[in-house]
PDB file of N, CA and C in Angstrom:
ATOM      1  N   MET A   1     -36.991-101.575  54.695  1.00  0.00           N
ATOM      2  CA  MET A   1     -38.256-101.231  55.277  1.00  0.00           C
ATOM      3  C   MET A   1     -38.123-100.413  56.760  1.00  0.00           C
ATOM      4  N   TYR A   2     -38.339 -99.281  56.896  1.00  0.00           N
ATOM      5  CA  TYR A   2     -38.043 -99.028  58.235  1.00  0.00           C
ATOM      6  C   TYR A   2     -38.813 -98.886  58.991  1.00  0.00           C
ATOM      7  N   VAL A   3     -38.620 -99.543  60.368  1.00  0.00           N
ATOM      8  CA  VAL A   3     -39.677 -99.415  61.460  1.00  0.00           C
ATOM      9  C   VAL A   3     -39.164 -98.008  62.802  1.00  0.00           C
ATOM     10  N   ASP A   4     -40.238 -97.367  63.218  1.00  0.00           N
ATOM     11  CA  ASP A   4     -39.748 -96.588  63.896  1.00  0.00           C
ATOM     12  C   ASP A   4     -39.590 -97.546  65.229  1.00  0.00           C
ATOM     13  N   PRO A   5     -38.442 -97.284  65.903  1.00  0.00           N
ATOM     14  CA  PRO A   5     -38.245 -98.127  67.401  1.00  0.00           C
ATOM     15  C   PRO A   5     -39.179 -97.853  68.327  1.00  0.00           C
ATOM     16  N   MET A   6     -39.566 -96.634  68.186  1.00  0.00           N
ATOM     17  CA  MET A   6     -40.610 -96.480  69.478  1.00  0.00           C
ATOM     18  C   MET A   6     -42.038 -96.954  69.083  1.00  0.00           C
ATOM     19  N   THR A   7     -42.538 -96.886  67.850  1.00  0.00           N
ATOM     20  CA  THR A   7     -43.640 -97.585  67.194  1.00  0.00           C
ATOM     21  C   THR A   7     -43.524 -99.019  67.566  1.00  0.00           C
ATOM     22  N   TYR A   8     -42.796 -99.643  67.494  1.00  0.00           N
ATOM     23  CA  TYR A   8     -41.935-101.043  67.629  1.00  0.00           C
ATOM     24  C   TYR A   8     -42.137-101.474  69.108  1.00  0.00           C
ATOM     25  N   ALA A   9     -41.582-100.674  69.771  1.00  0.00           N
ATOM     26  CA  ALA A   9     -41.633-100.642  71.455  1.00  0.00           C
ATOM     27  C   ALA A   9     -43.275-100.760  71.894  1.00  0.00           C
ATOM     28  N   VAL A  10     -43.885 -99.697  71.692  1.00  0.00           N
ATOM     29  CA  VAL A  10     -45.391 -99.498  72.017  1.00  0.00           C
ATOM     30  C   VAL A  10     -46.258-100.679  71.401  1.00  0.00           C
ATOM     31  N   GLU A  11     -45.834-101.241  70.317  1.00  0.00           N
ATOM     32  CA  GLU A  11     -46.643-102.047  70.086  1.00  0.00           C
ATOM     33  C   GLU A  11     -46.154-103.585  70.808  1.00  0.00           C
ATOM     34  N   GLU A  12     -45.180-103.625  71.054  1.00  0.00           N
ATOM     35  CA  GLU A  12     -44.596-104.980  71.973  1.00  0.00           C
ATOM     36  C   GLU A  12     -45.242-104.870  73.221  1.00  0.00           C
ATOM     37  N   LEU A  13     -45.147-103.720  73.700  1.00  0.00           N
ATOM     38  CA  LEU A  13     -45.979-103.510  74.951  1.00  0.00           C
ATOM     39  C   LEU A  13     -47.229-103.850  74.978  1.00  0.00           C
ATOM     40  N   ALA A  14     -48.016-103.224  73.976  1.00  0.00           N
ATOM     41  CA  ALA A  14     -49.423-103.495  74.004  1.00  0.00           C
ATOM     42  C   ALA A  14     -49.525-104.856  73.793  1.00  0.00           C
ATOM     43  N   ASN A  15     -48.635-105.587  73.167  1.00  0.00           N
ATOM     44  CA  ASN A  15     -49.299-107.331  72.908  1.00  0.00           C
ATOM     45  C   ASN A  15     -48.729-107.982  74.369  1.00  0.00           C
ATOM     46  N   GLY A  16     -47.747-107.411  74.909  1.00  0.00           N
ATOM     47  CA  GLY A  16     -47.409-108.348  76.289  1.00  0.00           C
ATOM     48  C   GLY A  16     -48.504-107.894  77.148  1.00  0.00           C
ATOM     49  N   ILE A  17     -49.094-106.846  77.454  1.00  0.00           N
ATOM     50  CA  ILE A  17     -50.154-106.455  77.744  1.00  0.00           C
ATOM     51  C   ILE A  17     -51.256-107.470  77.448  1.00  0.00           C
ATOM     52  N   ILE A  18     -51.568-107.712  76.561  1.00  0.00           N
ATOM     53  CA  ILE A  18     -52.960-108.410  76.174  1.00  0.00           C
ATOM     54  C   ILE A  18     -52.464-109.941  76.361  1.00  0.00           C
ATOM     55  N   ILE A  19     -51.367-110.414  75.995  1.00  0.00           N
ATOM     56  CA  ILE A  19     -50.930-111.612  76.025  1.00  0.00           C
ATOM     57  C   ILE A  19     -51.024-112.074  77.576  1.00  0.00           C
ATOM     58  N   GLN A  20     -50.655-111.075  78.384  1.00  0.00           N
ATOM     59  CA  GLN A  20     -50.708-111.703  80.030  1.00  0.00           C
ATOM     60  C   GLN A  20     -52.207-111.910  80.292  1.00  0.00           C
ATOM     61  N   ALA A  21     -52.919-111.002  80.058  1.00  0.00           N
ATOM     62  CA  ALA A  21     -54.051-110.788  80.308  1.00  0.00           C
ATOM     63  C   ALA A  21     -54.678-112.122  79.996  1.00  0.00           C
ATOM     64  N   ALA A  22     -54.380-112.469  79.056  1.00  0.00           N
ATOM     65  CA  ALA A  22     -55.208-113.907  78.285  1.00  0.00           C
ATOM     66  C   ALA A  22     -54.530-115.058  79.099  1.00  0.00           C
ATOM     67  N   ASN A  23     -53.571-114.892  79.437  1.00  0.00           N
ATOM     68  CA  ASN A  23     -52.730-115.894  80.100  1.00  0.00           C
ATOM     69  C   ASN A  23     -53.216-116.089  81.716  1.00  0.00           C
ATOM     70  N   ASP A  24     -53.548-114.859  82.192  1.00  0.00           N
ATOM     71  CA  ASP A  24     -54.332-114.909  83.651  1.00  0.00           C
ATOM     72  C   ASP A  24     -55.573-115.404  83.620  1.00  0.00           C
ATOM     73  N   TYR A  25     -56.553-115.242  82.165  1.00  0.00           N
ATOM     74  CA  TYR A  25     -57.654-115.887  82.065  1.00  0.00           C
ATOM     75  C   TYR A  25     -57.790-117.002  82.178  1.00  0.00           C
ATOM     76  N   ARG A  26     -56.837-117.900  81.365  1.00  0.00           N
ATOM     77  CA  ARG A  26     -56.562-119.072  81.179  1.00  0.00           C
ATOM     78  C   ARG A  26     -56.478-119.704  82.564  1.00  0.00           C
ATOM     79  N   LYS A  27     -55.525-119.027  83.651  1.00  0.00           N
ATOM     80  CA  LYS A  27     -55.393-119.754  84.596  1.00  0.00           C
ATOM     81  C   LYS A  27     -56.376-119.720  85.542  1.00  0.00           C
ATOM     82  N   ALA A  28     -57.325-118.462  85.651  1.00  0.00           N
ATOM     83  CA  ALA A  28     -58.470-118.425  86.174  1.00  0.00           C
ATOM     84  C   ALA A  28     -59.422-119.409  86.065  1.00  0.00           C
ATOM     85  N   MET A  29     -59.340-119.865  84.800  1.00  0.00           N
ATOM     86  CA  MET A  29     -60.550-120.628  84.088  1.00  0.00           C
ATOM     87  C   MET A  29     -60.002-122.013  84.737  1.00  0.00           C
ATOM     88  N   LYS A  30     -58.849-122.412  84.499  1.00  0.00           N
ATOM     89  CA  LYS A  30     -58.367-123.696  84.973  1.00  0.00           C
ATOM     90  C   LYS A  30     -58.634-123.688  86.631  1.00  0.00           C
ATOM     91  N   ASP A  31     -58.036-122.627  87.283  1.00  0.00           N
ATOM     92  CA  ASP A  31     -58.422-122.854  88.990  1.00  0.00           C
ATOM     93  C   ASP A  31     -59.780-122.788  89.103  1.00  0.00           C
ATOM     94  N   LEU A  32     -60.444-122.190  88.431  1.00  0.00           N
ATOM     95  CA  LEU A  32     -62.065-122.410  88.826  1.00  0.00           C
ATOM     96  C   LEU A  32     -62.869-123.833  88.580  1.00  0.00           C
ATOM     97  N   TRP A  33     -61.935-124.531  87.618  1.00  0.00           N
ATOM     98  CA  TRP A  33     -62.396-125.934  87.247  1.00  0.00           C
ATOM     99  C   TRP A  33     -61.916-126.895  88.357  1.00  0.00           C
ATOM    100  N   LEU A  34     -60.797-126.717  88.595  1.00  0.00           N
ATOM    101  CA  LEU A  34     -60.208-127.401  89.998  1.00  0.00           C
ATOM    102  C   LEU A  34     -60.778-126.973  91.134  1.00  0.00           C
ATOM    103  N   CYS A  35     -61.212-125.766  91.536  1.00  0.00           N
ATOM    104  CA  CYS A  35     -61.938-125.470  92.741  1.00  0.00           C
ATOM    105  C   CYS A  35     -62.874-124.168  92.481  1.00  0.00           C
ATOM    106  N   PRO A  36     -64.219-124.740  91.985  1.00  0.00           N
ATOM    107  CA  PRO A  36     -65.348-123.686  91.938  1.00  0.00           C
ATOM    108  C   PRO A  36     -65.215-122.372  92.991  1.00  0.00           C
ATOM    109  N   ARG A  37     -65.018-122.576  94.116  1.00  0.00           N
ATOM    110  CA  ARG A  37     -65.052-121.507  95.230  1.00  0.00           C
ATOM    111  C   ARG A  37     -63.938-120.837  95.406  1.00  0.00           C
ATOM    112  N   ASN A  38     -62.965-120.776  94.365  1.00  0.00           N
ATOM    113  CA  ASN A  38     -61.804-120.048  94.702  1.00  0.00           C
ATOM    114  C   ASN A  38     -62.025-118.684  94.343  1.00  0.00           C
ATOM    115  N   ARG A  39     -62.254-117.785  95.306  1.00  0.00           N
ATOM    116  CA  ARG A  39     -62.673-116.484  95.275  1.00  0.00           C
ATOM    117  C   ARG A  39     -61.681-115.665  94.453  1.00  0.00           C
ATOM    118  N   GLU A  40     -60.389-115.801  94.739  1.00  0.00           N
ATOM    119  CA  GLU A  40     -59.020-114.855  94.057  1.00  0.00           C
ATOM    120  C   GLU A  40     -59.673-115.373  92.254  1.00  0.00           C
ATOM    121  N   ALA A  41     -59.869-116.632  91.912  1.00  0.00           N
ATOM    122  CA  ALA A  41     -59.594-116.875  90.653  1.00  0.00           C
ATOM    123  C   ALA A  41     -60.974-116.230  90.034  1.00  0.00           C
ATOM    124  N   ARG A  42     -62.101-116.086  90.571  1.00  0.00           N
ATOM    125  CA  ARG A  42     -63.059-115.635  90.244  1.00  0.00           C
ATOM    126  C   ARG A  42     -62.963-114.129  89.859  1.00  0.00           C
ATOM    127  N   ILE A  43     -62.339-113.515  90.829  1.00  0.00           N
ATOM    128  CA  ILE A  43     -62.176-112.150  90.729  1.00  0.00           C
ATOM    129  C   ILE A  43     -61.161-111.849  89.721  1.00  0.00           C
ATOM    130  N   VAL A  44     -59.929-112.456  89.296  1.00  0.00           N
ATOM    131  CA  VAL A  44     -59.144-112.421  88.298  1.00  0.00           C
ATOM    132  C   VAL A  44     -60.000-112.565  86.913  1.00  0.00           C
ATOM    133  N   LYS A  45     -60.740-114.126  87.047  1.00  0.00           N
ATOM    134  CA  LYS A  45     -61.437-114.035  85.725  1.00  0.00           C
ATOM    135  C   LYS A  45     -62.139-112.576  85.492  1.00  0.00           C
ATOM    136  N   ARG A  46     -63.318-112.237  86.551  1.00  0.00           N
ATOM    137  CA  ARG A  46     -64.190-111.234  86.121  1.00  0.00           C
ATOM    138  C   ARG A  46     -63.372-109.611  85.819  1.00  0.00           C
ATOM    139  N   GLU A  47     -62.210-109.786  86.297  1.00  0.00           N
ATOM    140  CA  GLU A  47     -61.238-108.512  85.706  1.00  0.00           C
ATOM    141  C   GLU A  47     -60.710-108.357  84.527  1.00  0.00           C
ATOM    142  N   CYS A  48     -60.160-109.790  84.043  1.00  0.00           N
ATOM    143  CA  CYS A  48     -60.078-110.047  82.706  1.00  0.00           C
ATOM    144  C   CYS A  48     -61.354-109.895  81.813  1.00  0.00           C
ATOM    145  N   GLU A  49     -62.505-110.224  82.004  1.00  0.00           N
ATOM    146  CA  GLU A  49     -63.483-109.934  81.320  1.00  0.00           C
ATOM    147  C   GLU A  49     -63.953-108.620  81.176  1.00  0.00           C
ATOM    148  N   ARG A  50     -63.600-107.730  82.096  1.00  0.00           N
ATOM    149  CA  ARG A  50     -63.595-106.419  82.240  1.00  0.00           C
ATOM    150  C   ARG A  50     -62.805-105.661  81.088  1.00  0.00           C
ATOM    151  N   PHE A  51     -61.480-106.060  81.383  1.00  0.00           N
ATOM    152  CA  PHE A  51     -60.570-105.469  80.388  1.00  0.00           C
ATOM    153  C   PHE A  51     -60.659-105.659  79.019  1.00  0.00           C
ATOM    154  N   PHE A  52     -61.080-107.348  78.876  1.00  0.00           N
ATOM    155  CA  PHE A  52     -61.124-107.510  77.274  1.00  0.00           C
ATOM    156  C   PHE A  52     -62.371-106.461  76.480  1.00  0.00           C
ATOM    157  N   ARG A  53     -63.464-106.039  77.190  1.00  0.00           N
ATOM    158  CA  ARG A  53     -64.431-105.766  77.241  1.00  0.00           C
ATOM    159  C   ARG A  53     -64.164-103.701  77.244  1.00  0.00           C
ATOM    160  N   SER A  54     -62.939-103.305  77.612  1.00  0.00           N
ATOM    161  CA  SER A  54     -62.883-101.641  77.728  1.00  0.00           C
ATOM    162  C   SER A  54     -62.227-101.392  76.708  1.00  0.00           C
ATOM    163  N   ARG A  55     -62.379 -99.690  76.727  1.00  0.00           N
ATOM    164  CA  ARG A  55     -62.157 -98.988  75.792  1.00  0.00           C
ATOM    165  C   ARG A  55     -60.773 -99.031  75.655  1.00  0.00           C
ATOM    166  N   TYR A  56     -60.112 -99.266  77.094  1.00  0.00           N
ATOM    167  CA  TYR A  56     -58.598 -99.585  76.718  1.00  0.00           C
ATOM    168  C   TYR A  56     -58.032-100.705  76.016  1.00  0.00           C
ATOM    169  N   PHE A  57     -58.652-101.750  76.048  1.00  0.00           N
ATOM    170  CA  PHE A  57     -58.517-103.004  75.520  1.00  0.00           C
ATOM    171  C   PHE A  57     -58.226-102.603  73.926  1.00  0.00           C
ATOM    172  N   ASN A  58     -59.409-102.089  73.245  1.00  0.00           N
ATOM    173  CA  ASN A  58     -59.698-101.487  72.252  1.00  0.00           C
ATOM    174  C   ASN A  58     -58.418-100.460  71.915  1.00  0.00           C
ATOM    175  N   LEU A  59     -57.843 -99.627  72.161  1.00  0.00           N
ATOM    176  CA  LEU A  59     -56.948 -98.856  72.275  1.00  0.00           C
ATOM    177  C   LEU A  59     -55.569 -99.567  72.116  1.00  0.00           C
ATOM    178  N   LEU A  60     -55.584-100.696  72.639  1.00  0.00           N
ATOM    179  CA  LEU A  60     -54.164-101.570  72.256  1.00  0.00           C
ATOM    180  C   LEU A  60     -54.387-102.508  71.221  1.00  0.00           C
ATOM    181  N   THR A  61     -55.548-102.508  70.482  1.00  0.00           N
ATOM    182  CA  THR A  61     -55.622-103.533  69.434  1.00  0.00           C
ATOM    183  C   THR A  61     -56.719-103.352  68.923  1.00  0.00           C
ATOM    184  N   THR A  62     -56.687-104.222  67.508  1.00  0.00           N
ATOM    185  CA  THR A  62     -57.890-104.180  66.888  1.00  0.00           C
ATOM    186  C   THR A  62     -58.729-105.260  66.851  1.00  0.00           C
ATOM    187  N   ILE A  63     -58.179-106.427  67.706  1.00  0.00           N
ATOM    188  CA  ILE A  63     -58.973-107.365  67.748  1.00  0.00           C
ATOM    189  C   ILE A  63     -59.979-107.405  69.078  1.00  0.00           C
ATOM    190  N   SER A  64     -61.381-107.939  68.583  1.00  0.00           N
ATOM    191  CA  SER A  64     -62.503-107.941  69.649  1.00  0.00           C
ATOM    192  C   SER A  64     -62.294-108.567  70.823  1.00  0.00           C
ATOM    193  N   GLY A  65     -62.349-107.872  71.770  1.00  0.00           N
ATOM    194  CA  GLY A  65     -62.324-108.673  73.106  1.00  0.00           C
ATOM    195  C   GLY A  65     -63.362-109.559  73.297  1.00  0.00           C
ATOM    196  N   THR A  66     -64.548-109.339  73.117  1.00  0.00           N
ATOM    197  CA  THR A  66     -65.544-110.516  73.022  1.00  0.00           C
ATOM    198  C   THR A  66     -65.022-111.457  72.344  1.00  0.00           C
ATOM    199  N   TRP A  67     -64.356-111.523  70.856  1.00  0.00           N
ATOM    200  CA  TRP A  67     -64.030-112.824  70.449  1.00  0.00           C
ATOM    201  C   TRP A  67     -62.701-113.203  71.110  1.00  0.00           C
ATOM    202  N   LEU A  68     -61.870-112.373  71.583  1.00  0.00           N
ATOM    203  CA  LEU A  68     -60.702-113.177  72.074  1.00  0.00           C
ATOM    204  C   LEU A  68     -61.254-113.803  73.478  1.00  0.00           C
ATOM    205  N   MET A  69     -62.234-113.566  74.274  1.00  0.00           N
ATOM    206  CA  MET A  69     -63.078-114.425  75.254  1.00  0.00           C
ATOM    207  C   MET A  69     -63.237-115.612  74.736  1.00  0.00           C
ATOM    208  N   ARG A  70     -64.325-115.473  73.493  1.00  0.00           N
ATOM    209  CA  ARG A  70     -65.082-116.780  73.637  1.00  0.00           C
ATOM    210  C   ARG A  70     -63.790-117.817  72.401  1.00  0.00           C
ATOM    211  N   LYS A  71     -62.878-117.226  72.359  1.00  0.00           N
ATOM    212  CA  LYS A  71     -61.611-118.190  71.739  1.00  0.00           C
ATOM    213  C   LYS A  71     -61.269-118.638  72.829  1.00  0.00           C
ATOM    214  N   LEU A  72     -60.740-117.993  73.929  1.00  0.00           N
ATOM    215  CA  LEU A  72     -59.999-118.617  75.281  1.00  0.00           C
ATOM    216  C   LEU A  72     -61.132-119.706  75.750  1.00  0.00           C
ATOM    217  N   LYS A  73     -62.382-119.138  76.035  1.00  0.00           N
ATOM    218  CA  LYS A  73     -63.435-120.376  76.285  1.00  0.00           C
ATOM    219  C   LYS A  73     -62.988-121.598  75.399  1.00  0.00           C
ATOM    220  N   GLU A  74     -63.076-121.488  74.484  1.00  0.00           N
ATOM    221  CA  GLU A  74     -63.522-122.365  73.428  1.00  0.00           C
ATOM    222  C   GLU A  74     -62.205-123.478  73.664  1.00  0.00           C
ATOM    223  N   GLU A  75     -60.860-123.008  73.439  1.00  0.00           N
ATOM    224  CA  GLU A  75     -59.881-123.554  74.079  1.00  0.00           C
ATOM    225  C   GLU A  75     -59.666-124.281  75.211  1.00  0.00           C
ATOM    226  N   PHE A  76     -60.122-123.628  76.340  1.00  0.00           N
ATOM    227  CA  PHE A  76     -60.270-124.331  77.764  1.00  0.00           C
ATOM    228  C   PHE A  76     -61.534-125.522  77.511  1.00  0.00           C
ATOM    229  N   GLU A  77     -62.189-125.219  76.845  1.00  0.00           N
ATOM    230  CA  GLU A  77     -63.313-126.317  76.645  1.00  0.00           C
ATOM    231  C   GLU A  77     -63.142-127.519  75.757  1.00  0.00           C
ATOM    232  N   THR A  78     -62.312-127.506  74.803  1.00  0.00           N
ATOM    233  CA  THR A  78     -61.852-128.415  74.044  1.00  0.00           C
ATOM    234  C   THR A  78     -60.697-129.258  74.307  1.00  0.00           C
ATOM    235  N   LYS A  79     -59.644-128.153  74.500  1.00  0.00           N
ATOM    236  CA  LYS A  79     -58.586-128.596  75.105  1.00  0.00           C
ATOM    237  C   LYS A  79     -58.022-128.732  76.502  1.00  0.00           C
ATOM    238  N   THR A  80     -57.862-127.863  77.427  1.00  0.00           N
ATOM    239  CA  THR A  80     -57.513-127.746  78.791  1.00  0.00           C
ATOM    240  C   THR A  80     -58.681-128.523  79.734  1.00  0.00           C
ATOM    241  N   LYS A  81     -59.600-128.561  79.596  1.00  0.00           N
ATOM    242  CA  LYS A  81     -60.693-129.156  80.236  1.00  0.00           C
ATOM    243  C   LYS A  81     -60.453-130.409  80.223  1.00  0.00           C
ATOM    244  N   LYS A  82     -60.442-131.035  78.934  1.00  0.00           N
ATOM    245  CA  LYS A  82     -60.090-132.444  78.878  1.00  0.00           C
ATOM    246  C   LYS A  82     -58.730-132.953  79.217  1.00  0.00           C
ATOM    247  N   GLU A  83     -57.475-132.266  79.314  1.00  0.00           N
ATOM    248  CA  GLU A  83     -56.518-132.436  79.973  1.00  0.00           C
ATOM    249  C   GLU A  83     -56.261-132.532  81.472  1.00  0.00           C
ATOM    250  N   LEU A  84     -57.212-131.762  81.949  1.00  0.00           N
ATOM    251  CA  LEU A  84     -57.324-131.556  83.454  1.00  0.00           C
ATOM    252  C   LEU A  84     -58.130-132.964  83.869  1.00  0.00           C
ATOM    253  N   GLU A  85     -59.454-133.294  82.967  1.00  0.00           N
ATOM    254  CA  GLU A  85     -59.921-134.530  83.397  1.00  0.00           C
ATOM    255  C   GLU A  85     -59.029-135.750  83.419  1.00  0.00           C
ATOM    256  N   GLU A  86     -58.236-135.687  82.227  1.00  0.00           N
ATOM    257  CA  GLU A  86     -57.459-136.966  82.145  1.00  0.00           C
ATOM    258  C   GLU A  86     -56.322-137.122  83.175  1.00  0.00           C
ATOM    259  N   CYS A  87     -55.990-136.031  83.630  1.00  0.00           N
ATOM    260  CA  CYS A  87     -54.475-136.141  84.905  1.00  0.00           C
ATOM    261  C   CYS A  87     -54.732-135.938  86.038  1.00  0.00           C
ATOM    262  N   THR A  88     -56.077-135.258  86.307  1.00  0.00           N
ATOM    263  CA  THR A  88     -56.820-135.311  87.509  1.00  0.00           C
ATOM    264  C   THR A  88     -56.940-136.783  88.449  1.00  0.00           C
ATOM    265  N   SER A  89     -56.447-136.582  89.528  1.00  0.00           N
ATOM    266  CA  SER A  89     -56.397-137.812  90.361  1.00  0.00           C
ATOM    267  C   SER A  89     -57.930-137.963  91.194  1.00  0.00           C
ATOM    268  N   PRO A  90     -57.968-139.010  91.440  1.00  0.00           N
ATOM    269  CA  PRO A  90     -59.719-139.187  92.283  1.00  0.00           C
ATOM    270  C   PRO A  90     -59.484-138.455  93.213  1.00  0.00           C
ATOM    271  N   ILE A  91     -58.856-137.948  93.946  1.00  0.00           N
ATOM    272  CA  ILE A  91     -58.792-137.217  95.233  1.00  0.00           C
ATOM    273  C   ILE A  91     -59.339-136.117  95.019  1.00  0.00           C
ATOM    274  N   ILE A  92     -58.488-135.147  93.847  1.00  0.00           N
ATOM    275  CA  ILE A  92     -58.725-134.031  93.556  1.00  0.00           C
ATOM    276  C   ILE A  92     -60.219-133.685  92.905  1.00  0.00           C
ATOM    277  N   LYS A  93     -60.593-134.824  91.854  1.00  0.00           N
ATOM    278  CA  LYS A  93     -61.969-134.883  91.519  1.00  0.00           C
ATOM    279  C   LYS A  93     -63.040-134.955  92.479  1.00  0.00           C
ATOM    280  N   ASN A  94     -62.653-135.676  93.579  1.00  0.00           N
ATOM    281  CA  ASN A  94     -63.835-135.939  94.727  1.00  0.00           C
ATOM    282  C   ASN A  94     -64.017-134.421  95.380  1.00  0.00           C
ATOM    283  N   PHE A  95     -62.899-133.926  95.563  1.00  0.00           N
ATOM    284  CA  PHE A  95     -62.467-132.564  96.152  1.00  0.00           C
ATOM    285  C   PHE A  95     -63.481-131.528  95.330  1.00  0.00           C
ATOM    286  N   ARG A  96     -63.225-131.418  94.167  1.00  0.00           N
ATOM    287  CA  ARG A  96     -63.874-130.829  93.193  1.00  0.00           C
ATOM    288  C   ARG A  96     -65.324-130.535  93.131  1.00  0.00           C
ATOM    289  N   ASP A  97     -65.764-132.199  93.016  1.00  0.00           N
ATOM    290  CA  ASP A  97     -67.288-132.263  93.107  1.00  0.00           C
ATOM    291  C   ASP A  97     -67.964-131.774  94.481  1.00  0.00           C
ATOM    292  N   SER A  98     -67.388-132.159  95.413  1.00  0.00           N
ATOM    293  CA  SER A  98     -67.960-131.876  96.916  1.00  0.00           C
ATOM    294  C   SER A  98     -67.797-130.022  96.845  1.00  0.00           C
ATOM    295  N   ASN A  99     -66.914-129.320  96.068  1.00  0.00           N
ATOM    296  CA  ASN A  99     -67.185-128.194  96.334  1.00  0.00           C
ATOM    297  C   ASN A  99     -67.846-127.175  95.388  1.00  0.00           C
ATOM    298  N   MET A 100     -68.761-128.153  94.457  1.00  0.00           N
ATOM    299  CA  MET A 100     -69.230-127.522  93.343  1.00  0.00           C
ATOM    300  C   MET A 100     -70.787-126.920  94.096  1.00  0.00           C
ATOM    301  N   THR A 101     -71.106-127.380  95.021  1.00  0.00           N
ATOM    302  CA  THR A 101     -72.361-126.579  95.746  1.00  0.00           C
ATOM    303  C   THR A 101     -72.223-125.486  96.441  1.00  0.00           C
TER     304      THR A 101
END
């Protein structure tokens, strides 16, 4: 089966853009859990959410950006958040709790 190299390259680029946005979103959620007042993480999270809802995202893939965000949030709640809670030192937990207000 012949695969057009240009088509393959475009698909790989599109996949790379989406993967990077998902990784940025994961990191922003993690950073916000550790420090809820983290301004940069809030900005990155907001930009990723805007990207996942954009026409550009829909041009890159056939999956729903809303669906992807929901899956990433579920992953964070069921896996990442639990891992953070298990390995976070009491000092960081106290810092995090004091910054929740």
